[in-house]
């Protein structure tokens, strides 16, 4: 069972990754919004406008990953910010 994301190895092939995930389970705590390191300061609410079709696609993808779509968007933004910096 994977209890920390750092335990997930890098994969050379899709087949290797598929085999790994078919035999491996994640700790339920990894499946929530805490994937993004929380800042101890309060959050600031913002408003974003999305094309309805795009938002529907995001929501479907989030559901397939058992995530809240807002949390998934925050995770994506956090990951991209780290790449940019």
N, C-alpha and C. Protein backbone atom coordinates (compact mmCIF):
# COMPACT_ATOMS: atom_id res chain seq x y z
N UNK A 1 0.84 -1.18 0.00
CA UNK A 1 0.00 0.00 0.00
C UNK A 1 0.89 1.25 0.00
N UNK A 2 0.55 2.19 -0.86
CA UNK A 2 1.28 3.45 -0.97
C UNK A 2 0.69 4.43 0.04
N UNK A 3 1.52 4.93 0.94
CA UNK A 3 1.05 5.90 1.94
C UNK A 3 1.63 7.29 1.71
N UNK A 4 2.57 7.39 0.76
CA UNK A 4 3.19 8.67 0.45
C UNK A 4 3.46 8.70 -1.06
N UNK A 5 3.17 9.81 -1.70
CA UNK A 5 3.34 9.90 -3.16
C UNK A 5 4.78 9.66 -3.58
N UNK A 6 5.73 9.90 -2.70
CA UNK A 6 7.14 9.69 -3.06
C UNK A 6 7.46 8.21 -3.24
N UNK A 7 6.57 7.33 -2.80
CA UNK A 7 6.78 5.90 -2.96
C UNK A 7 6.45 5.41 -4.37
N UNK A 8 5.79 6.24 -5.18
CA UNK A 8 5.44 5.85 -6.54
C UNK A 8 6.67 6.00 -7.42
N UNK A 9 7.09 4.91 -8.05
CA UNK A 9 8.31 4.98 -8.87
C UNK A 9 8.07 5.67 -10.21
N UNK A 10 9.15 6.01 -10.89
CA UNK A 10 9.08 6.49 -12.27
C UNK A 10 8.95 5.25 -13.16
N UNK A 11 8.16 5.37 -14.20
CA UNK A 11 7.93 4.22 -15.06
C UNK A 11 8.57 4.44 -16.43
N UNK A 12 9.16 3.39 -16.96
CA UNK A 12 9.76 3.44 -18.29
C UNK A 12 8.73 3.21 -19.38
N UNK A 13 7.71 2.42 -19.07
CA UNK A 13 6.70 2.10 -20.07
C UNK A 13 5.31 2.18 -19.46
N UNK A 14 4.30 2.36 -20.32
CA UNK A 14 2.92 2.35 -19.86
C UNK A 14 2.55 0.98 -19.32
N UNK A 15 3.08 -0.07 -19.94
CA UNK A 15 2.79 -1.43 -19.49
C UNK A 15 3.30 -1.63 -18.06
N UNK A 16 4.49 -1.12 -17.78
CA UNK A 16 5.04 -1.22 -16.43
C UNK A 16 4.21 -0.46 -15.42
N UNK A 17 3.75 0.71 -15.82
CA UNK A 17 2.89 1.50 -14.94
C UNK A 17 1.56 0.81 -14.70
N UNK A 18 0.98 0.26 -15.77
CA UNK A 18 -0.30 -0.44 -15.64
C UNK A 18 -0.17 -1.64 -14.70
N UNK A 19 0.93 -2.38 -14.82
CA UNK A 19 1.16 -3.53 -13.95
C UNK A 19 1.29 -3.08 -12.50
N UNK A 20 2.05 -2.02 -12.28
CA UNK A 20 2.24 -1.49 -10.92
C UNK A 20 0.89 -1.14 -10.29
N UNK A 21 0.06 -0.37 -11.02
CA UNK A 21 -1.21 0.09 -10.45
C UNK A 21 -2.22 -1.04 -10.31
N UNK A 22 -2.09 -2.09 -11.11
CA UNK A 22 -3.02 -3.21 -10.97
C UNK A 22 -2.72 -4.02 -9.71
N UNK A 23 -1.49 -3.89 -9.21
CA UNK A 23 -1.07 -4.66 -8.03
C UNK A 23 -0.91 -3.79 -6.78
N UNK A 24 -1.14 -2.49 -6.90
CA UNK A 24 -0.85 -1.57 -5.81
C UNK A 24 -2.10 -0.81 -5.40
N UNK A 25 -2.23 -0.57 -4.12
CA UNK A 25 -3.35 0.21 -3.59
C UNK A 25 -2.81 1.48 -2.95
N UNK A 26 -3.63 2.53 -2.98
CA UNK A 26 -3.28 3.79 -2.34
C UNK A 26 -3.97 3.89 -0.99
N UNK A 27 -3.29 4.48 -0.04
CA UNK A 27 -3.92 4.83 1.22
C UNK A 27 -5.01 5.85 0.93
N UNK A 28 -6.17 5.70 1.52
CA UNK A 28 -7.31 6.58 1.25
C UNK A 28 -6.99 8.04 1.52
N UNK A 29 -6.09 8.31 2.44
CA UNK A 29 -5.74 9.71 2.74
C UNK A 29 -5.08 10.43 1.58
N UNK A 30 -4.50 9.67 0.64
CA UNK A 30 -3.87 10.30 -0.53
C UNK A 30 -4.89 10.71 -1.57
N UNK A 31 -6.11 10.27 -1.44
CA UNK A 31 -7.13 10.54 -2.45
C UNK A 31 -7.92 11.82 -2.18
N UNK A 32 -7.50 12.64 -1.27
CA UNK A 32 -8.24 13.86 -1.00
C UNK A 32 -7.45 15.10 -1.38
N UNK A 33 -7.97 16.23 -1.06
CA UNK A 33 -7.39 17.50 -1.49
C UNK A 33 -6.07 17.83 -0.80
N UNK A 34 -5.65 17.04 0.17
CA UNK A 34 -4.41 17.34 0.86
C UNK A 34 -3.18 17.04 0.02
N UNK A 35 -3.39 16.67 -1.25
CA UNK A 35 -2.25 16.45 -2.14
C UNK A 35 -1.45 17.73 -2.32
N UNK A 36 -2.13 18.85 -2.26
CA UNK A 36 -1.48 20.14 -2.38
C UNK A 36 -1.08 20.57 -0.98
N UNK A 37 0.17 20.95 -0.81
CA UNK A 37 0.62 21.36 0.51
C UNK A 37 -0.17 22.60 0.94
N UNK A 38 -0.85 22.45 2.05
CA UNK A 38 -1.68 23.54 2.54
C UNK A 38 -0.81 24.63 3.15
N UNK A 39 -1.18 25.83 2.88
CA UNK A 39 -0.53 26.99 3.49
C UNK A 39 -1.24 27.25 4.81
N UNK A 40 -0.50 27.65 5.82
CA UNK A 40 -1.12 27.87 7.12
C UNK A 40 -2.00 29.13 7.13
N UNK A 41 -1.86 29.99 6.12
CA UNK A 41 -2.70 31.17 6.04
C UNK A 41 -4.06 30.79 5.49
N UNK A 42 -5.02 31.68 5.69
CA UNK A 42 -6.36 31.42 5.17
C UNK A 42 -6.36 31.47 3.65
N UNK A 43 -7.33 30.79 3.08
CA UNK A 43 -7.50 30.82 1.62
C UNK A 43 -8.22 32.08 1.21
N UNK A 44 -8.01 32.47 -0.02
CA UNK A 44 -8.72 33.61 -0.61
C UNK A 44 -9.63 33.07 -1.69
N UNK A 45 -10.89 33.45 -1.64
CA UNK A 45 -11.85 33.00 -2.63
C UNK A 45 -11.73 33.85 -3.88
N UNK A 46 -11.73 33.18 -5.04
CA UNK A 46 -11.73 33.89 -6.31
C UNK A 46 -12.85 33.31 -7.18
N UNK A 47 -13.16 33.99 -8.24
CA UNK A 47 -14.17 33.50 -9.19
C UNK A 47 -13.51 33.33 -10.55
N UNK A 48 -13.73 32.19 -11.15
CA UNK A 48 -13.26 31.92 -12.50
C UNK A 48 -14.45 31.54 -13.36
N UNK A 49 -14.45 31.98 -14.58
CA UNK A 49 -15.51 31.60 -15.50
C UNK A 49 -14.96 30.56 -16.47
N UNK A 50 -15.68 29.46 -16.61
CA UNK A 50 -15.28 28.38 -17.51
C UNK A 50 -16.36 28.17 -18.56
N UNK A 51 -15.94 27.76 -19.72
CA UNK A 51 -16.87 27.28 -20.72
C UNK A 51 -17.59 26.08 -20.11
N UNK A 52 -18.91 25.99 -20.21
CA UNK A 52 -19.65 24.89 -19.58
C UNK A 52 -19.17 23.50 -20.01
N UNK A 53 -18.79 23.35 -21.27
CA UNK A 53 -18.30 22.05 -21.73
C UNK A 53 -16.97 21.70 -21.09
N UNK A 54 -16.09 22.69 -20.95
CA UNK A 54 -14.81 22.45 -20.31
C UNK A 54 -15.00 22.07 -18.85
N UNK A 55 -15.88 22.78 -18.16
CA UNK A 55 -16.13 22.48 -16.76
C UNK A 55 -16.72 21.08 -16.60
N UNK A 56 -17.60 20.70 -17.49
CA UNK A 56 -18.18 19.35 -17.43
C UNK A 56 -17.09 18.29 -17.60
N UNK A 57 -16.15 18.54 -18.51
CA UNK A 57 -15.04 17.60 -18.72
C UNK A 57 -14.16 17.52 -17.49
N UNK A 58 -13.88 18.67 -16.87
CA UNK A 58 -13.07 18.70 -15.64
C UNK A 58 -13.77 17.92 -14.54
N UNK A 59 -15.07 18.13 -14.38
CA UNK A 59 -15.82 17.43 -13.34
C UNK A 59 -15.82 15.92 -13.57
N UNK A 60 -15.98 15.50 -14.83
CA UNK A 60 -15.95 14.06 -15.15
C UNK A 60 -14.59 13.46 -14.79
N UNK A 61 -13.53 14.17 -15.17
CA UNK A 61 -12.19 13.70 -14.87
C UNK A 61 -11.96 13.61 -13.36
N UNK A 62 -12.39 14.62 -12.64
CA UNK A 62 -12.24 14.62 -11.18
C UNK A 62 -13.00 13.44 -10.56
N UNK A 63 -14.21 13.21 -11.01
CA UNK A 63 -15.00 12.08 -10.48
C UNK A 63 -14.29 10.76 -10.73
N UNK A 64 -13.70 10.62 -11.91
CA UNK A 64 -13.00 9.36 -12.22
C UNK A 64 -11.79 9.15 -11.32
N UNK A 65 -11.28 10.23 -10.74
CA UNK A 65 -10.13 10.16 -9.82
C UNK A 65 -10.55 10.26 -8.37
N UNK A 66 -11.86 10.26 -8.13
CA UNK A 66 -12.42 10.36 -6.77
C UNK A 66 -11.96 11.63 -6.06
N UNK A 67 -11.92 12.72 -6.81
CA UNK A 67 -11.52 14.01 -6.26
C UNK A 67 -12.65 15.02 -6.44
N UNK A 68 -12.65 16.03 -5.61
CA UNK A 68 -13.51 17.18 -5.79
C UNK A 68 -12.89 18.00 -6.93
N UNK A 69 -13.72 18.49 -7.85
CA UNK A 69 -13.13 19.16 -9.02
C UNK A 69 -12.38 20.43 -8.65
N UNK A 70 -12.85 21.17 -7.64
CA UNK A 70 -12.12 22.38 -7.24
C UNK A 70 -10.74 22.02 -6.68
N UNK A 71 -10.69 20.95 -5.91
CA UNK A 71 -9.41 20.50 -5.35
C UNK A 71 -8.46 20.06 -6.45
N UNK A 72 -9.01 19.38 -7.46
CA UNK A 72 -8.17 18.94 -8.57
C UNK A 72 -7.60 20.14 -9.33
N UNK A 73 -8.42 21.16 -9.55
CA UNK A 73 -7.94 22.37 -10.22
C UNK A 73 -6.84 23.03 -9.41
N UNK A 74 -7.03 23.10 -8.08
CA UNK A 74 -5.97 23.68 -7.22
C UNK A 74 -4.70 22.86 -7.30
N UNK A 75 -4.84 21.54 -7.34
CA UNK A 75 -3.67 20.67 -7.46
C UNK A 75 -2.95 20.94 -8.77
N UNK A 76 -3.70 21.03 -9.89
CA UNK A 76 -3.10 21.32 -11.18
C UNK A 76 -2.36 22.64 -11.16
N UNK A 77 -2.98 23.66 -10.59
CA UNK A 77 -2.35 24.99 -10.54
C UNK A 77 -1.07 24.95 -9.71
N UNK A 78 -1.13 24.24 -8.59
CA UNK A 78 0.04 24.13 -7.74
C UNK A 78 1.19 23.42 -8.47
N UNK A 79 0.87 22.32 -9.15
CA UNK A 79 1.90 21.58 -9.89
C UNK A 79 2.49 22.44 -11.00
N UNK A 80 1.65 23.16 -11.71
CA UNK A 80 2.15 24.01 -12.80
C UNK A 80 3.01 25.15 -12.26
N UNK A 81 2.59 25.72 -11.15
CA UNK A 81 3.37 26.79 -10.54
C UNK A 81 4.76 26.30 -10.17
N UNK A 82 4.84 25.11 -9.60
CA UNK A 82 6.14 24.55 -9.25
C UNK A 82 7.01 24.36 -10.48
N UNK A 83 6.41 23.90 -11.59
CA UNK A 83 7.16 23.74 -12.83
C UNK A 83 7.68 25.08 -13.34
N UNK A 84 6.85 26.09 -13.28
CA UNK A 84 7.22 27.41 -13.79
C UNK A 84 8.32 28.04 -12.96
N UNK A 85 8.31 27.80 -11.67
CA UNK A 85 9.32 28.39 -10.80
C UNK A 85 10.62 27.61 -10.88
